[in-house]
Amino acid sequence: MHPSWYQWDGSDLLLALHVQPGAKTDRVDGLHGDRLKVRISAAPADGRANLQLAGFLAGLFEVPLRQVTLLSGQSSRSKRVRIVRPGKLLPGMTPPVD
């Protein structure tokens, strides 16, 4: 069984995130309850933090930016994100079962 902060929808990865904008650096910072905590250096104004989050996740999972979609939480710290066919997974993540 995998952690509750991610699940697979076919070959797409769905993430439940707790995002902290305005941090010193962009990084994954462990768990926050049942969500993965991600710190983003952009301020939460004019969608900048969401755009930076998408770029950070694209680099982390080795996909083009167009394969990262914010599903919910546009103006919230709690977000759901879809990564289409990730090229890389975080340590401890299990790939989808065919």
PDB file of N, CA and C in Angstrom:
ATOM      1  N   MET A   1       0.843  -1.191   0.000  1.00  0.00           N
ATOM      2  CA  MET A   1       0.000   0.000   0.000  1.00  0.00           C
ATOM      3  C   MET A   1       0.885   1.250   0.000  1.00  0.00           C
ATOM      4  N   HIS A   2       0.509   2.231  -0.793  1.00  0.00           N
ATOM      5  CA  HIS A   2       1.310   3.450  -0.888  1.00  0.00           C
ATOM      6  C   HIS A   2       0.742   4.545   0.014  1.00  0.00           C
ATOM      7  N   PRO A   3       1.518   5.575   0.264  1.00  0.00           N
ATOM      8  CA  PRO A   3       1.043   6.685   1.096  1.00  0.00           C
ATOM      9  C   PRO A   3      -0.183   7.364   0.485  1.00  0.00           C
ATOM     10  N   SER A   4      -0.954   8.049   1.308  1.00  0.00           N
ATOM     11  CA  SER A   4      -2.196   8.672   0.838  1.00  0.00           C
ATOM     12  C   SER A   4      -1.970   9.955   0.044  1.00  0.00           C
ATOM     13  N   TRP A   5      -0.751  10.473  -0.005  1.00  0.00           N
ATOM     14  CA  TRP A   5      -0.518  11.730  -0.714  1.00  0.00           C
ATOM     15  C   TRP A   5      -0.350  11.558  -2.215  1.00  0.00           C
ATOM     16  N   TYR A   6      -0.315  10.328  -2.692  1.00  0.00           N
ATOM     17  CA  TYR A   6      -0.296  10.135  -4.141  1.00  0.00           C
ATOM     18  C   TYR A   6      -1.100   8.906  -4.527  1.00  0.00           C
ATOM     19  N   GLN A   7      -1.592   8.922  -5.749  1.00  0.00           N
ATOM     20  CA  GLN A   7      -2.279   7.763  -6.311  1.00  0.00           C
ATOM     21  C   GLN A   7      -2.115   7.813  -7.820  1.00  0.00           C
ATOM     22  N   TRP A   8      -2.387   6.703  -8.440  1.00  0.00           N
ATOM     23  CA  TRP A   8      -2.241   6.594  -9.891  1.00  0.00           C
ATOM     24  C   TRP A   8      -3.606   6.593 -10.550  1.00  0.00           C
ATOM     25  N   ASP A   9      -3.710   7.270 -11.681  1.00  0.00           N
ATOM     26  CA  ASP A   9      -4.883   7.247 -12.545  1.00  0.00           C
ATOM     27  C   ASP A   9      -4.359   6.791 -13.901  1.00  0.00           C
ATOM     28  N   GLY A  10      -4.290   5.482 -14.081  1.00  0.00           N
ATOM     29  CA  GLY A  10      -3.620   4.928 -15.252  1.00  0.00           C
ATOM     30  C   GLY A  10      -2.136   5.208 -15.128  1.00  0.00           C
ATOM     31  N   SER A  11      -1.569   5.909 -16.113  1.00  0.00           N
ATOM     32  CA  SER A  11      -0.139   6.251 -16.054  1.00  0.00           C
ATOM     33  C   SER A  11       0.084   7.670 -15.521  1.00  0.00           C
ATOM     34  N   ASP A  12      -0.995   8.336 -15.107  1.00  0.00           N
ATOM     35  CA  ASP A  12      -0.894   9.690 -14.557  1.00  0.00           C
ATOM     36  C   ASP A  12      -0.799   9.640 -13.030  1.00  0.00           C
ATOM     37  N   LEU A  13       0.027  10.511 -12.476  1.00  0.00           N
ATOM     38  CA  LEU A  13       0.235  10.594 -11.033  1.00  0.00           C
ATOM     39  C   LEU A  13      -0.591  11.733 -10.466  1.00  0.00           C
ATOM     40  N   LEU A  14      -1.393  11.441  -9.447  1.00  0.00           N
ATOM     41  CA  LEU A  14      -2.187  12.455  -8.756  1.00  0.00           C
ATOM     42  C   LEU A  14      -1.554  12.704  -7.402  1.00  0.00           C
ATOM     43  N   LEU A  15      -1.258  13.976  -7.104  1.00  0.00           N
ATOM     44  CA  LEU A  15      -0.601  14.341  -5.855  1.00  0.00           C
ATOM     45  C   LEU A  15      -1.514  15.201  -4.990  1.00  0.00           C
ATOM     46  N   ALA A  16      -1.510  14.944  -3.691  1.00  0.00           N
ATOM     47  CA  ALA A  16      -2.168  15.798  -2.702  1.00  0.00           C
ATOM     48  C   ALA A  16      -1.050  16.557  -2.001  1.00  0.00           C
ATOM     49  N   LEU A  17      -1.045  17.882  -2.152  1.00  0.00           N
ATOM     50  CA  LEU A  17       0.056  18.696  -1.664  1.00  0.00           C
ATOM     51  C   LEU A  17      -0.400  19.723  -0.633  1.00  0.00           C
ATOM     52  N   HIS A  18       0.519  20.038   0.276  1.00  0.00           N
ATOM     53  CA  HIS A  18       0.397  21.210   1.144  1.00  0.00           C
ATOM     54  C   HIS A  18       1.538  22.120   0.711  1.00  0.00           C
ATOM     55  N   VAL A  19       1.197  23.284   0.153  1.00  0.00           N
ATOM     56  CA  VAL A  19       2.204  24.163  -0.428  1.00  0.00           C
ATOM     57  C   VAL A  19       2.424  25.373   0.475  1.00  0.00           C
ATOM     58  N   GLN A  20       3.682  25.640   0.761  1.00  0.00           N
ATOM     59  CA  GLN A  20       4.047  26.819   1.542  1.00  0.00           C
ATOM     60  C   GLN A  20       4.769  27.795   0.623  1.00  0.00           C
ATOM     61  N   PRO A  21       4.085  28.864   0.202  1.00  0.00           N
ATOM     62  CA  PRO A  21       4.734  29.870  -0.643  1.00  0.00           C
ATOM     63  C   PRO A  21       5.617  30.789   0.195  1.00  0.00           C
ATOM     64  N   GLY A  22       6.472  31.538  -0.481  1.00  0.00           N
ATOM     65  CA  GLY A  22       7.326  32.507   0.200  1.00  0.00           C
ATOM     66  C   GLY A  22       8.479  31.891   0.968  1.00  0.00           C
ATOM     67  N   ALA A  23       8.860  30.659   0.639  1.00  0.00           N
ATOM     68  CA  ALA A  23       9.965  29.979   1.324  1.00  0.00           C
ATOM     69  C   ALA A  23      11.298  30.472   0.754  1.00  0.00           C
ATOM     70  N   LYS A  24      12.384  30.119   1.404  1.00  0.00           N
ATOM     71  CA  LYS A  24      13.712  30.520   0.917  1.00  0.00           C
ATOM     72  C   LYS A  24      14.085  29.788  -0.369  1.00  0.00           C
ATOM     73  N   THR A  25      13.726  28.510  -0.455  1.00  0.00           N
ATOM     74  CA  THR A  25      14.049  27.710  -1.631  1.00  0.00           C
ATOM     75  C   THR A  25      12.867  26.831  -2.003  1.00  0.00           C
ATOM     76  N   ASP A  26      12.868  26.335  -3.232  1.00  0.00           N
ATOM     77  CA  ASP A  26      11.863  25.365  -3.673  1.00  0.00           C
ATOM     78  C   ASP A  26      12.350  23.991  -3.263  1.00  0.00           C
ATOM     79  N   ARG A  27      11.519  23.264  -2.520  1.00  0.00           N
ATOM     80  CA  ARG A  27      11.932  21.912  -2.118  1.00  0.00           C
ATOM     81  C   ARG A  27      10.748  21.124  -1.574  1.00  0.00           C
ATOM     82  N   VAL A  28      10.894  19.815  -1.611  1.00  0.00           N
ATOM     83  CA  VAL A  28       9.952  18.905  -0.964  1.00  0.00           C
ATOM     84  C   VAL A  28      10.396  18.807   0.489  1.00  0.00           C
ATOM     85  N   ASP A  29       9.446  18.911   1.401  1.00  0.00           N
ATOM     86  CA  ASP A  29       9.794  18.996   2.819  1.00  0.00           C
ATOM     87  C   ASP A  29       9.028  17.986   3.662  1.00  0.00           C
ATOM     88  N   GLY A  30       8.916  16.750   3.185  1.00  0.00           N
ATOM     89  CA  GLY A  30       8.277  15.696   3.973  1.00  0.00           C
ATOM     90  C   GLY A  30       6.769  15.752   3.906  1.00  0.00           C
ATOM     91  N   LEU A  31       6.147  15.228   4.947  1.00  0.00           N
ATOM     92  CA  LEU A  31       4.687  15.149   4.985  1.00  0.00           C
ATOM     93  C   LEU A  31       4.096  16.217   5.885  1.00  0.00           C
ATOM     94  N   HIS A  32       2.884  16.631   5.545  1.00  0.00           N
ATOM     95  CA  HIS A  32       2.085  17.534   6.358  1.00  0.00           C
ATOM     96  C   HIS A  32       0.724  16.860   6.461  1.00  0.00           C
ATOM     97  N   GLY A  33       0.523  16.080   7.524  1.00  0.00           N
ATOM     98  CA  GLY A  33      -0.686  15.257   7.610  1.00  0.00           C
ATOM     99  C   GLY A  33      -0.649  14.194   6.534  1.00  0.00           C
ATOM    100  N   ASP A  34      -1.705  14.147   5.713  1.00  0.00           N
ATOM    101  CA  ASP A  34      -1.766  13.157   4.634  1.00  0.00           C
ATOM    102  C   ASP A  34      -1.398  13.764   3.278  1.00  0.00           C
ATOM    103  N   ARG A  35      -0.685  14.881   3.305  1.00  0.00           N
ATOM    104  CA  ARG A  35      -0.258  15.556   2.078  1.00  0.00           C
ATOM    105  C   ARG A  35       1.258  15.709   2.064  1.00  0.00           C
ATOM    106  N   LEU A  36       1.821  15.783   0.880  1.00  0.00           N
ATOM    107  CA  LEU A  36       3.245  16.039   0.727  1.00  0.00           C
ATOM    108  C   LEU A  36       3.459  17.547   0.822  1.00  0.00           C
ATOM    109  N   LYS A  37       4.374  17.969   1.683  1.00  0.00           N
ATOM    110  CA  LYS A  37       4.640  19.399   1.849  1.00  0.00           C
ATOM    111  C   LYS A  37       5.696  19.843   0.855  1.00  0.00           C
ATOM    112  N   VAL A  38       5.367  20.919   0.128  1.00  0.00           N
ATOM    113  CA  VAL A  38       6.280  21.492  -0.850  1.00  0.00           C
ATOM    114  C   VAL A  38       6.435  22.974  -0.528  1.00  0.00           C
ATOM    115  N   ARG A  39       7.672  23.403  -0.408  1.00  0.00           N
ATOM    116  CA  ARG A  39       7.966  24.826  -0.177  1.00  0.00           C
ATOM    117  C   ARG A  39       8.331  25.459  -1.521  1.00  0.00           C
ATOM    118  N   ILE A  40       7.732  26.622  -1.782  1.00  0.00           N
ATOM    119  CA  ILE A  40       7.951  27.347  -3.028  1.00  0.00           C
ATOM    120  C   ILE A  40       8.378  28.768  -2.684  1.00  0.00           C
ATOM    121  N   SER A  41       9.408  29.272  -3.359  1.00  0.00           N
ATOM    122  CA  SER A  41       9.947  30.589  -3.020  1.00  0.00           C
ATOM    123  C   SER A  41       9.095  31.753  -3.534  1.00  0.00           C
ATOM    124  N   ALA A  42       8.257  31.537  -4.525  1.00  0.00           N
ATOM    125  CA  ALA A  42       7.424  32.618  -5.053  1.00  0.00           C
ATOM    126  C   ALA A  42       6.357  33.026  -4.052  1.00  0.00           C
ATOM    127  N   ALA A  43       6.001  34.299  -4.095  1.00  0.00           N
ATOM    128  CA  ALA A  43       4.919  34.810  -3.245  1.00  0.00           C
ATOM    129  C   ALA A  43       3.573  34.351  -3.805  1.00  0.00           C
ATOM    130  N   PRO A  44       2.568  34.201  -2.936  1.00  0.00           N
ATOM    131  CA  PRO A  44       1.256  33.734  -3.391  1.00  0.00           C
ATOM    132  C   PRO A  44       0.416  34.866  -3.984  1.00  0.00           C
ATOM    133  N   ALA A  45       0.940  35.583  -4.954  1.00  0.00           N
ATOM    134  CA  ALA A  45       0.213  36.691  -5.577  1.00  0.00           C
ATOM    135  C   ALA A  45       0.173  36.499  -7.083  1.00  0.00           C
ATOM    136  N   ASP A  46      -0.967  36.800  -7.672  1.00  0.00           N
ATOM    137  CA  ASP A  46      -1.136  36.754  -9.130  1.00  0.00           C
ATOM    138  C   ASP A  46      -0.792  35.396  -9.732  1.00  0.00           C
ATOM    139  N   GLY A  47      -0.984  34.316  -8.989  1.00  0.00           N
ATOM    140  CA  GLY A  47      -0.728  32.974  -9.503  1.00  0.00           C
ATOM    141  C   GLY A  47       0.733  32.609  -9.645  1.00  0.00           C
ATOM    142  N   ARG A  48       1.632  33.467  -9.150  1.00  0.00           N
ATOM    143  CA  ARG A  48       3.065  33.189  -9.304  1.00  0.00           C
ATOM    144  C   ARG A  48       3.490  31.916  -8.586  1.00  0.00           C
ATOM    145  N   ALA A  49       2.980  31.699  -7.372  1.00  0.00           N
ATOM    146  CA  ALA A  49       3.365  30.491  -6.629  1.00  0.00           C
ATOM    147  C   ALA A  49       2.870  29.236  -7.349  1.00  0.00           C
ATOM    148  N   ASN A  50       1.657  29.276  -7.910  1.00  0.00           N
ATOM    149  CA  ASN A  50       1.140  28.112  -8.636  1.00  0.00           C
ATOM    150  C   ASN A  50       1.975  27.823  -9.873  1.00  0.00           C
ATOM    151  N   LEU A  51       2.377  28.861 -10.584  1.00  0.00           N
ATOM    152  CA  LEU A  51       3.204  28.671 -11.771  1.00  0.00           C
ATOM    153  C   LEU A  51       4.580  28.123 -11.397  1.00  0.00           C
ATOM    154  N   GLN A  52       5.142  28.648 -10.330  1.00  0.00           N
ATOM    155  CA  GLN A  52       6.450  28.150  -9.888  1.00  0.00           C
ATOM    156  C   GLN A  52       6.338  26.714  -9.381  1.00  0.00           C
ATOM    157  N   LEU A  53       5.242  26.405  -8.682  1.00  0.00           N
ATOM    158  CA  LEU A  53       5.010  25.031  -8.230  1.00  0.00           C
ATOM    159  C   LEU A  53       4.972  24.085  -9.427  1.00  0.00           C
ATOM    160  N   ALA A  54       4.236  24.459 -10.466  1.00  0.00           N
ATOM    161  CA  ALA A  54       4.138  23.603 -11.658  1.00  0.00           C
ATOM    162  C   ALA A  54       5.513  23.393 -12.285  1.00  0.00           C
ATOM    163  N   GLY A  55       6.298  24.446 -12.388  1.00  0.00           N
ATOM    164  CA  GLY A  55       7.644  24.318 -12.944  1.00  0.00           C
ATOM    165  C   GLY A  55       8.544  23.455 -12.089  1.00  0.00           C
ATOM    166  N   PHE A  56       8.442  23.617 -10.770  1.00  0.00           N
ATOM    167  CA  PHE A  56       9.237  22.810  -9.851  1.00  0.00           C
ATOM    168  C   PHE A  56       8.866  21.333  -9.978  1.00  0.00           C
ATOM    169  N   LEU A  57       7.570  21.042 -10.013  1.00  0.00           N
ATOM    170  CA  LEU A  57       7.122  19.651 -10.143  1.00  0.00           C
ATOM    171  C   LEU A  57       7.507  19.063 -11.499  1.00  0.00           C
ATOM    172  N   ALA A  58       7.452  19.871 -12.564  1.00  0.00           N
ATOM    173  CA  ALA A  58       7.854  19.396 -13.888  1.00  0.00           C
ATOM    174  C   ALA A  58       9.317  18.959 -13.863  1.00  0.00           C
ATOM    175  N   GLY A  59      10.166  19.746 -13.237  1.00  0.00           N
ATOM    176  CA  GLY A  59      11.578  19.376 -13.127  1.00  0.00           C
ATOM    177  C   GLY A  59      11.796  18.164 -12.249  1.00  0.00           C
ATOM    178  N   LEU A  60      11.072  18.107 -11.146  1.00  0.00           N
ATOM    179  CA  LEU A  60      11.213  17.003 -10.192  1.00  0.00           C
ATOM    180  C   LEU A  60      10.809  15.665 -10.812  1.00  0.00           C
ATOM    181  N   PHE A  61       9.724  15.677 -11.589  1.00  0.00           N
ATOM    182  CA  PHE A  61       9.209  14.440 -12.180  1.00  0.00           C
ATOM    183  C   PHE A  61       9.622  14.270 -13.642  1.00  0.00           C
ATOM    184  N   GLU A  62      10.515  15.160 -14.109  1.00  0.00           N
ATOM    185  CA  GLU A  62      11.089  15.083 -15.454  1.00  0.00           C
ATOM    186  C   GLU A  62      10.029  14.997 -16.554  1.00  0.00           C
ATOM    187  N   VAL A  63       9.134  16.001 -16.556  1.00  0.00           N
ATOM    188  CA  VAL A  63       8.113  16.119 -17.598  1.00  0.00           C
ATOM    189  C   VAL A  63       8.091  17.567 -18.086  1.00  0.00           C
ATOM    190  N   PRO A  64       7.576  17.802 -19.294  1.00  0.00           N
ATOM    191  CA  PRO A  64       7.379  19.182 -19.746  1.00  0.00           C
ATOM    192  C   PRO A  64       6.306  19.861 -18.878  1.00  0.00           C
ATOM    193  N   LEU A  65       6.381  21.160 -18.776  1.00  0.00           N
ATOM    194  CA  LEU A  65       5.434  21.924 -17.965  1.00  0.00           C
ATOM    195  C   LEU A  65       3.987  21.644 -18.356  1.00  0.00           C
ATOM    196  N   ARG A  66       3.730  21.417 -19.632  1.00  0.00           N
ATOM    197  CA  ARG A  66       2.352  21.171 -20.096  1.00  0.00           C
ATOM    198  C   ARG A  66       1.759  19.882 -19.522  1.00  0.00           C
ATOM    199  N   GLN A  67       2.601  18.996 -18.959  1.00  0.00           N
ATOM    200  CA  GLN A  67       2.104  17.744 -18.379  1.00  0.00           C
ATOM    201  C   GLN A  67       1.798  17.875 -16.887  1.00  0.00           C
ATOM    202  N   VAL A  68       1.863  19.084 -16.340  1.00  0.00           N
ATOM    203  CA  VAL A  68       1.536  19.334 -14.935  1.00  0.00           C
ATOM    204  C   VAL A  68       0.271  20.187 -14.900  1.00  0.00           C
ATOM    205  N   THR A  69      -0.782  19.684 -14.228  1.00  0.00           N
ATOM    206  CA  THR A  69      -2.054  20.383 -14.167  1.00  0.00           C
ATOM    207  C   THR A  69      -2.502  20.538 -12.720  1.00  0.00           C
ATOM    208  N   LEU A  70      -2.857  21.765 -12.343  1.00  0.00           N
ATOM    209  CA  LEU A  70      -3.425  22.017 -11.028  1.00  0.00           C
ATOM    210  C   LEU A  70      -4.904  21.665 -11.101  1.00  0.00           C
ATOM    211  N   LEU A  71      -5.319  20.620 -10.382  1.00  0.00           N
ATOM    212  CA  LEU A  71      -6.703  20.156 -10.417  1.00  0.00           C
ATOM    213  C   LEU A  71      -7.593  20.919  -9.449  1.00  0.00           C
ATOM    214  N   SER A  72      -7.051  21.264  -8.284  1.00  0.00           N
ATOM    215  CA  SER A  72      -7.830  22.014  -7.296  1.00  0.00           C
ATOM    216  C   SER A  72      -6.882  22.737  -6.356  1.00  0.00           C
ATOM    217  N   GLY A  73      -7.428  23.763  -5.684  1.00  0.00           N
ATOM    218  CA  GLY A  73      -6.648  24.505  -4.717  1.00  0.00           C
ATOM    219  C   GLY A  73      -5.957  25.721  -5.293  1.00  0.00           C
ATOM    220  N   GLN A  74      -6.537  26.314  -6.319  1.00  0.00           N
ATOM    221  CA  GLN A  74      -5.935  27.475  -6.988  1.00  0.00           C
ATOM    222  C   GLN A  74      -5.487  28.541  -5.996  1.00  0.00           C
ATOM    223  N   SER A  75      -6.298  28.833  -4.981  1.00  0.00           N
ATOM    224  CA  SER A  75      -5.951  29.884  -4.020  1.00  0.00           C
ATOM    225  C   SER A  75      -5.798  29.330  -2.599  1.00  0.00           C
ATOM    226  N   SER A  76      -5.515  28.052  -2.500  1.00  0.00           N
ATOM    227  CA  SER A  76      -5.379  27.383  -1.204  1.00  0.00           C
ATOM    228  C   SER A  76      -3.992  26.774  -1.074  1.00  0.00           C
ATOM    229  N   ARG A  77      -3.578  26.509   0.144  1.00  0.00           N
ATOM    230  CA  ARG A  77      -2.315  25.785   0.345  1.00  0.00           C
ATOM    231  C   ARG A  77      -2.493  24.295   0.059  1.00  0.00           C
ATOM    232  N   SER A  78      -3.712  23.794   0.197  1.00  0.00           N
ATOM    233  CA  SER A  78      -4.008  22.392  -0.110  1.00  0.00           C
ATOM    234  C   SER A  78      -4.341  22.285  -1.592  1.00  0.00           C
ATOM    235  N   LYS A  79      -3.541  21.529  -2.310  1.00  0.00           N
ATOM    236  CA  LYS A  79      -3.697  21.438  -3.759  1.00  0.00           C
ATOM    237  C   LYS A  79      -3.702  19.989  -4.217  1.00  0.00           C
ATOM    238  N   ARG A  80      -4.374  19.754  -5.350  1.00  0.00           N
ATOM    239  CA  ARG A  80      -4.318  18.464  -6.037  1.00  0.00           C
ATOM    240  C   ARG A  80      -3.723  18.738  -7.411  1.00  0.00           C
ATOM    241  N   VAL A  81      -2.743  17.914  -7.776  1.00  0.00           N
ATOM    242  CA  VAL A  81      -2.011  18.121  -9.030  1.00  0.00           C
ATOM    243  C   VAL A  81      -1.939  16.801  -9.794  1.00  0.00           C
ATOM    244  N   ARG A  82      -2.068  16.905 -11.112  1.00  0.00           N
ATOM    245  CA  ARG A  82      -1.893  15.741 -11.998  1.00  0.00           C
ATOM    246  C   ARG A  82      -0.574  15.901 -12.744  1.00  0.00           C
ATOM    247  N   ILE A  83       0.224  14.834 -12.739  1.00  0.00           N
ATOM    248  CA  ILE A  83       1.454  14.758 -13.526  1.00  0.00           C
ATOM    249  C   ILE A  83       1.216  13.670 -14.575  1.00  0.00           C
ATOM    250  N   VAL A  84       1.204  14.061 -15.831  1.00  0.00           N
ATOM    251  CA  VAL A  84       0.961  13.103 -16.911  1.00  0.00           C
ATOM    252  C   VAL A  84       2.246  12.328 -17.194  1.00  0.00           C
ATOM    253  N   ARG A  85       2.174  11.018 -17.068  1.00  0.00           N
ATOM    254  CA  ARG A  85       3.280  10.099 -17.362  1.00  0.00           C
ATOM    255  C   ARG A  85       4.628  10.597 -16.829  1.00  0.00           C
ATOM    256  N   PRO A  86       4.798  10.653 -15.504  1.00  0.00           N
ATOM    257  CA  PRO A  86       6.069  11.136 -14.959  1.00  0.00           C
ATOM    258  C   PRO A  86       7.255  10.313 -15.450  1.00  0.00           C
ATOM    259  N   GLY A  87       8.345  11.010 -15.730  1.00  0.00           N
ATOM    260  CA  GLY A  87       9.568  10.347 -16.180  1.00  0.00           C
ATOM    261  C   GLY A  87      10.418   9.853 -15.027  1.00  0.00           C
ATOM    262  N   LYS A  88      10.160  10.367 -13.850  1.00  0.00           N
ATOM    263  CA  LYS A  88      10.920  10.007 -12.655  1.00  0.00           C
ATOM    264  C   LYS A  88       9.973  10.068 -11.462  1.00  0.00           C
ATOM    265  N   LEU A  89      10.242   9.245 -10.460  1.00  0.00           N
ATOM    266  CA  LEU A  89       9.448   9.259  -9.230  1.00  0.00           C
ATOM    267  C   LEU A  89      10.328   9.648  -8.060  1.00  0.00           C
ATOM    268  N   LEU A  90       9.704  10.096  -6.990  1.00  0.00           N
ATOM    269  CA  LEU A  90      10.434  10.398  -5.763  1.00  0.00           C
ATOM    270  C   LEU A  90      10.842   9.090  -5.087  1.00  0.00           C
ATOM    271  N   PRO A  91      11.903   9.098  -4.301  1.00  0.00           N
ATOM    272  CA  PRO A  91      12.302   7.879  -3.580  1.00  0.00           C
ATOM    273  C   PRO A  91      11.136   7.327  -2.751  1.00  0.00           C
ATOM    274  N   GLY A  92      10.943   6.032  -2.831  1.00  0.00           N
ATOM    275  CA  GLY A  92       9.886   5.367  -2.074  1.00  0.00           C
ATOM    276  C   GLY A  92       8.559   5.280  -2.792  1.00  0.00           C
ATOM    277  N   MET A  93       8.399   5.984  -3.914  1.00  0.00           N
ATOM    278  CA  MET A  93       7.146   5.903  -4.673  1.00  0.00           C
ATOM    279  C   MET A  93       7.132   4.635  -5.506  1.00  0.00           C
ATOM    280  N   THR A  94       5.985   4.004  -5.586  1.00  0.00           N
ATOM    281  CA  THR A  94       5.856   2.807  -6.408  1.00  0.00           C
ATOM    282  C   THR A  94       5.224   3.164  -7.741  1.00  0.00           C
ATOM    283  N   PRO A  95       5.720   2.604  -8.834  1.00  0.00           N
ATOM    284  CA  PRO A  95       5.141   2.879 -10.143  1.00  0.00           C
ATOM    285  C   PRO A  95       3.741   2.290 -10.245  1.00  0.00           C
ATOM    286  N   PRO A  96       2.972   2.722 -11.256  1.00  0.00           N
ATOM    287  CA  PRO A  96       1.603   2.195 -11.403  1.00  0.00           C
ATOM    288  C   PRO A  96       1.623   0.706 -11.743  1.00  0.00           C
ATOM    289  N   VAL A  97       0.571   0.038 -11.323  1.00  0.00           N
ATOM    290  CA  VAL A  97       0.413  -1.380 -11.628  1.00  0.00           C
ATOM    291  C   VAL A  97      -0.379  -1.479 -12.927  1.00  0.00           C
ATOM    292  N   ASP A  98       0.157  -2.219 -13.891  1.00  0.00           N
ATOM    293  CA  ASP A  98      -0.517  -2.362 -15.192  1.00  0.00           C
ATOM    294  C   ASP A  98      -1.733  -3.229 -15.092  1.00  0.00           C
TER     295      ASP A  98
END
